[in-house]
N, C-alpha and C. Protein backbone atom coordinates (compact mmCIF):
# COMPACT_ATOMS: atom_id res chain seq x y z
N MET A 1 80.10 145.75 144.16
CA MET A 1 80.41 146.30 142.85
C MET A 1 81.84 145.92 142.43
N GLN A 2 82.73 145.98 143.40
CA GLN A 2 84.12 145.64 143.12
C GLN A 2 84.23 144.18 142.72
N VAL A 3 83.45 143.32 143.37
CA VAL A 3 83.46 141.89 143.05
C VAL A 3 82.98 141.69 141.61
N TYR A 4 81.98 142.45 141.21
CA TYR A 4 81.45 142.34 139.84
C TYR A 4 82.52 142.77 138.82
N LYS A 5 83.23 143.87 139.09
CA LYS A 5 84.28 144.33 138.19
C LYS A 5 85.40 143.30 138.11
N GLN A 6 85.72 142.74 139.27
CA GLN A 6 86.77 141.73 139.29
C GLN A 6 86.31 140.49 138.49
N HIS A 7 85.06 140.15 138.66
CA HIS A 7 84.50 139.01 137.92
C HIS A 7 84.56 139.28 136.41
N CYS A 8 84.21 140.47 135.99
CA CYS A 8 84.27 140.84 134.57
C CYS A 8 85.70 140.78 134.05
N LYS A 9 86.64 141.25 134.83
CA LYS A 9 88.05 141.22 134.42
C LYS A 9 88.53 139.78 134.27
N ILE A 10 88.19 138.96 135.23
CA ILE A 10 88.57 137.54 135.17
C ILE A 10 87.92 136.86 133.98
N ALA A 11 86.66 137.21 133.70
CA ALA A 11 85.96 136.63 132.55
C ALA A 11 86.64 137.04 131.24
N GLU A 12 87.06 138.30 131.15
CA GLU A 12 87.78 138.76 129.96
C GLU A 12 89.09 138.02 129.81
N GLU A 13 89.84 137.89 130.89
CA GLU A 13 91.10 137.16 130.85
C GLU A 13 90.87 135.70 130.44
N TYR A 14 89.83 135.11 130.99
CA TYR A 14 89.49 133.72 130.66
C TYR A 14 89.21 133.60 129.16
N HIS A 15 88.43 134.56 128.65
CA HIS A 15 88.09 134.55 127.22
C HIS A 15 89.36 134.69 126.37
N GLU A 16 90.26 135.58 126.75
CA GLU A 16 91.52 135.78 126.01
C GLU A 16 92.38 134.51 126.05
N VAL A 17 92.46 133.91 127.23
CA VAL A 17 93.25 132.68 127.36
C VAL A 17 92.64 131.57 126.52
N LYS A 18 91.32 131.48 126.54
CA LYS A 18 90.64 130.46 125.75
C LYS A 18 90.90 130.67 124.25
N LYS A 19 90.87 131.94 123.82
CA LYS A 19 91.16 132.27 122.44
C LYS A 19 92.59 131.90 122.08
N GLU A 20 93.51 132.20 122.97
CA GLU A 20 94.91 131.88 122.74
C GLU A 20 95.13 130.36 122.67
N ILE A 21 94.46 129.63 123.53
CA ILE A 21 94.55 128.17 123.51
C ILE A 21 94.05 127.64 122.17
N ALA A 22 92.95 128.18 121.68
CA ALA A 22 92.40 127.75 120.39
C ALA A 22 93.40 128.02 119.27
N LEU A 23 94.01 129.19 119.28
CA LEU A 23 95.01 129.53 118.26
C LEU A 23 96.21 128.60 118.35
N LEU A 24 96.65 128.31 119.56
CA LEU A 24 97.79 127.42 119.74
C LEU A 24 97.46 125.99 119.31
N GLU A 25 96.24 125.56 119.58
CA GLU A 25 95.83 124.23 119.14
C GLU A 25 95.79 124.14 117.62
N GLU A 26 95.32 125.21 116.98
CA GLU A 26 95.30 125.26 115.51
C GLU A 26 96.73 125.22 114.97
N ARG A 27 97.60 125.98 115.59
CA ARG A 27 99.02 125.99 115.17
C ARG A 27 99.64 124.60 115.36
N LYS A 28 99.28 123.95 116.45
CA LYS A 28 99.77 122.60 116.72
C LYS A 28 99.33 121.64 115.62
N LYS A 29 98.06 121.73 115.20
CA LYS A 29 97.55 120.89 114.11
C LYS A 29 98.33 121.14 112.83
N GLU A 30 98.59 122.42 112.54
CA GLU A 30 99.34 122.77 111.33
C GLU A 30 100.75 122.19 111.38
N LEU A 31 101.40 122.30 112.54
CA LEU A 31 102.76 121.79 112.68
C LEU A 31 102.80 120.26 112.58
N ILE A 32 101.80 119.60 113.16
CA ILE A 32 101.73 118.14 113.06
C ILE A 32 101.54 117.72 111.62
N ALA A 33 100.66 118.40 110.90
CA ALA A 33 100.44 118.09 109.49
C ALA A 33 101.71 118.31 108.68
N ARG A 34 102.41 119.39 108.98
CA ARG A 34 103.66 119.69 108.28
C ARG A 34 104.72 118.63 108.59
N LEU A 35 104.81 118.23 109.84
CA LEU A 35 105.76 117.19 110.24
C LEU A 35 105.45 115.88 109.54
N GLU A 36 104.17 115.52 109.49
CA GLU A 36 103.78 114.29 108.81
C GLU A 36 104.14 114.34 107.33
N GLN A 37 103.96 115.50 106.71
CA GLN A 37 104.31 115.66 105.30
C GLN A 37 105.81 115.51 105.09
N VAL A 38 106.59 116.13 105.97
CA VAL A 38 108.05 116.03 105.86
C VAL A 38 108.50 114.58 106.06
N GLU A 39 107.91 113.91 107.04
CA GLU A 39 108.26 112.51 107.28
C GLU A 39 107.90 111.65 106.07
N LYS A 40 106.73 111.92 105.47
CA LYS A 40 106.31 111.16 104.30
C LYS A 40 107.27 111.40 103.13
N GLU A 41 107.64 112.66 102.92
CA GLU A 41 108.58 112.99 101.85
C GLU A 41 109.93 112.34 102.10
N SER A 42 110.34 112.32 103.36
CA SER A 42 111.61 111.68 103.72
C SER A 42 111.55 110.19 103.43
N MET A 43 110.42 109.56 103.78
CA MET A 43 110.25 108.13 103.51
C MET A 43 110.20 107.89 102.01
N ASP A 44 109.52 108.77 101.28
CA ASP A 44 109.46 108.64 99.83
C ASP A 44 110.86 108.75 99.23
N ALA A 45 111.64 109.69 99.73
CA ALA A 45 113.01 109.88 99.22
C ALA A 45 113.86 108.65 99.53
N ALA A 46 113.71 108.11 100.72
CA ALA A 46 114.46 106.91 101.09
C ALA A 46 114.05 105.73 100.22
N GLN A 47 112.75 105.60 99.97
CA GLN A 47 112.25 104.51 99.12
C GLN A 47 112.78 104.67 97.69
N LEU A 48 112.78 105.90 97.19
CA LEU A 48 113.29 106.15 95.84
C LEU A 48 114.79 105.86 95.76
N ALA A 49 115.53 106.22 96.79
CA ALA A 49 116.96 105.95 96.80
C ALA A 49 117.22 104.45 96.79
N LYS A 50 116.43 103.71 97.57
CA LYS A 50 116.57 102.25 97.61
C LYS A 50 116.24 101.65 96.25
N GLU A 51 115.14 102.10 95.67
CA GLU A 51 114.72 101.59 94.36
C GLU A 51 115.77 101.93 93.30
N TYR A 52 116.34 103.12 93.37
CA TYR A 52 117.38 103.52 92.42
C TYR A 52 118.59 102.59 92.54
N ALA A 53 119.00 102.30 93.77
CA ALA A 53 120.14 101.41 93.98
C ALA A 53 119.86 100.02 93.42
N GLU A 54 118.64 99.52 93.66
CA GLU A 54 118.27 98.20 93.15
C GLU A 54 118.27 98.18 91.62
N LEU A 55 117.71 99.22 91.02
CA LEU A 55 117.65 99.28 89.55
C LEU A 55 119.04 99.46 88.94
N THR A 56 119.89 100.21 89.61
CA THR A 56 121.26 100.38 89.14
C THR A 56 121.99 99.05 89.15
N GLU A 57 121.81 98.28 90.21
CA GLU A 57 122.45 96.96 90.30
C GLU A 57 121.88 96.02 89.23
N GLU A 58 120.57 96.05 89.04
CA GLU A 58 119.95 95.22 88.01
C GLU A 58 120.47 95.61 86.62
N ASN A 59 120.62 96.89 86.38
CA ASN A 59 121.14 97.39 85.10
C ASN A 59 122.57 96.89 84.87
N ARG A 60 123.39 96.95 85.92
CA ARG A 60 124.76 96.49 85.82
C ARG A 60 124.79 94.99 85.49
N THR A 61 123.96 94.22 86.16
CA THR A 61 123.88 92.78 85.92
C THR A 61 123.43 92.48 84.50
N LEU A 62 122.44 93.21 84.02
CA LEU A 62 121.95 92.99 82.66
C LEU A 62 122.99 93.37 81.61
N LYS A 63 123.74 94.44 81.86
CA LYS A 63 124.79 94.83 80.92
C LYS A 63 125.88 93.75 80.87
N LEU A 64 126.22 93.19 82.01
CA LEU A 64 127.20 92.12 82.07
C LEU A 64 126.70 90.90 81.30
N ALA A 65 125.43 90.55 81.51
CA ALA A 65 124.84 89.42 80.79
C ALA A 65 124.84 89.68 79.29
N GLN A 66 124.54 90.90 78.89
CA GLN A 66 124.53 91.25 77.47
C GLN A 66 125.93 91.09 76.88
N THR A 67 126.92 91.58 77.59
CA THR A 67 128.31 91.47 77.13
C THR A 67 128.70 90.01 76.96
N GLN A 68 128.32 89.19 77.93
CA GLN A 68 128.63 87.76 77.84
C GLN A 68 127.92 87.11 76.66
N CYS A 69 126.69 87.49 76.42
CA CYS A 69 125.94 86.94 75.28
C CYS A 69 126.57 87.36 73.95
N VAL A 70 127.00 88.61 73.85
CA VAL A 70 127.65 89.10 72.63
C VAL A 70 128.93 88.32 72.39
N GLU A 71 129.71 88.11 73.45
CA GLU A 71 130.96 87.35 73.32
C GLU A 71 130.68 85.92 72.88
N GLN A 72 129.67 85.31 73.50
CA GLN A 72 129.32 83.93 73.14
C GLN A 72 128.83 83.86 71.70
N LEU A 73 128.04 84.83 71.27
CA LEU A 73 127.55 84.87 69.90
C LEU A 73 128.72 85.00 68.92
N GLU A 74 129.67 85.85 69.26
CA GLU A 74 130.83 86.02 68.39
C GLU A 74 131.62 84.72 68.29
N LYS A 75 131.79 84.02 69.39
CA LYS A 75 132.49 82.73 69.38
C LYS A 75 131.74 81.73 68.50
N LEU A 76 130.42 81.71 68.60
CA LEU A 76 129.62 80.79 67.78
C LEU A 76 129.72 81.14 66.29
N ARG A 77 129.76 82.44 65.98
CA ARG A 77 129.92 82.86 64.58
C ARG A 77 131.27 82.37 64.03
N ILE A 78 132.30 82.53 64.83
CA ILE A 78 133.63 82.10 64.40
C ILE A 78 133.64 80.59 64.18
N GLN A 79 133.04 79.84 65.11
CA GLN A 79 132.98 78.39 64.95
C GLN A 79 132.19 78.01 63.70
N TYR A 80 131.08 78.71 63.48
CA TYR A 80 130.25 78.42 62.30
C TYR A 80 131.01 78.71 61.02
N GLN A 81 131.73 79.85 61.02
CA GLN A 81 132.52 80.21 59.83
C GLN A 81 133.63 79.19 59.58
N LYS A 82 134.26 78.69 60.66
CA LYS A 82 135.30 77.68 60.51
C LYS A 82 134.70 76.40 59.90
N ARG A 83 133.53 76.02 60.35
CA ARG A 83 132.86 74.83 59.85
C ARG A 83 132.49 75.00 58.38
N GLN A 84 132.00 76.20 58.06
CA GLN A 84 131.62 76.47 56.66
C GLN A 84 132.85 76.48 55.77
N GLY A 85 133.95 76.95 56.30
CA GLY A 85 135.19 77.00 55.54
C GLY A 85 135.78 75.63 55.33
N SER A 86 135.61 74.73 56.28
CA SER A 86 136.18 73.40 56.17
C SER A 86 135.27 72.46 55.38
N SER A 87 134.05 72.83 55.15
CA SER A 87 133.11 71.96 54.41
C SER A 87 133.29 72.07 52.93
């Protein structure tokens, strides 16, 4: 009889441990999913920062090109006006 009671107690403990393992495995899955999400967001943020830097540099280059074109256009206008004045 004592062996049976001991067996029942061990079976209950086994069931509790099994339940706890299942809960811990579920928690592990949740934490892994959360970690993957954080890593993805971090990669997205890094990609966005890189893209922002590239676009900022492209914008700076285009503004410089625009300024040079405006200056060249102004020089051409002056030359044209001089030619029109001398004709």
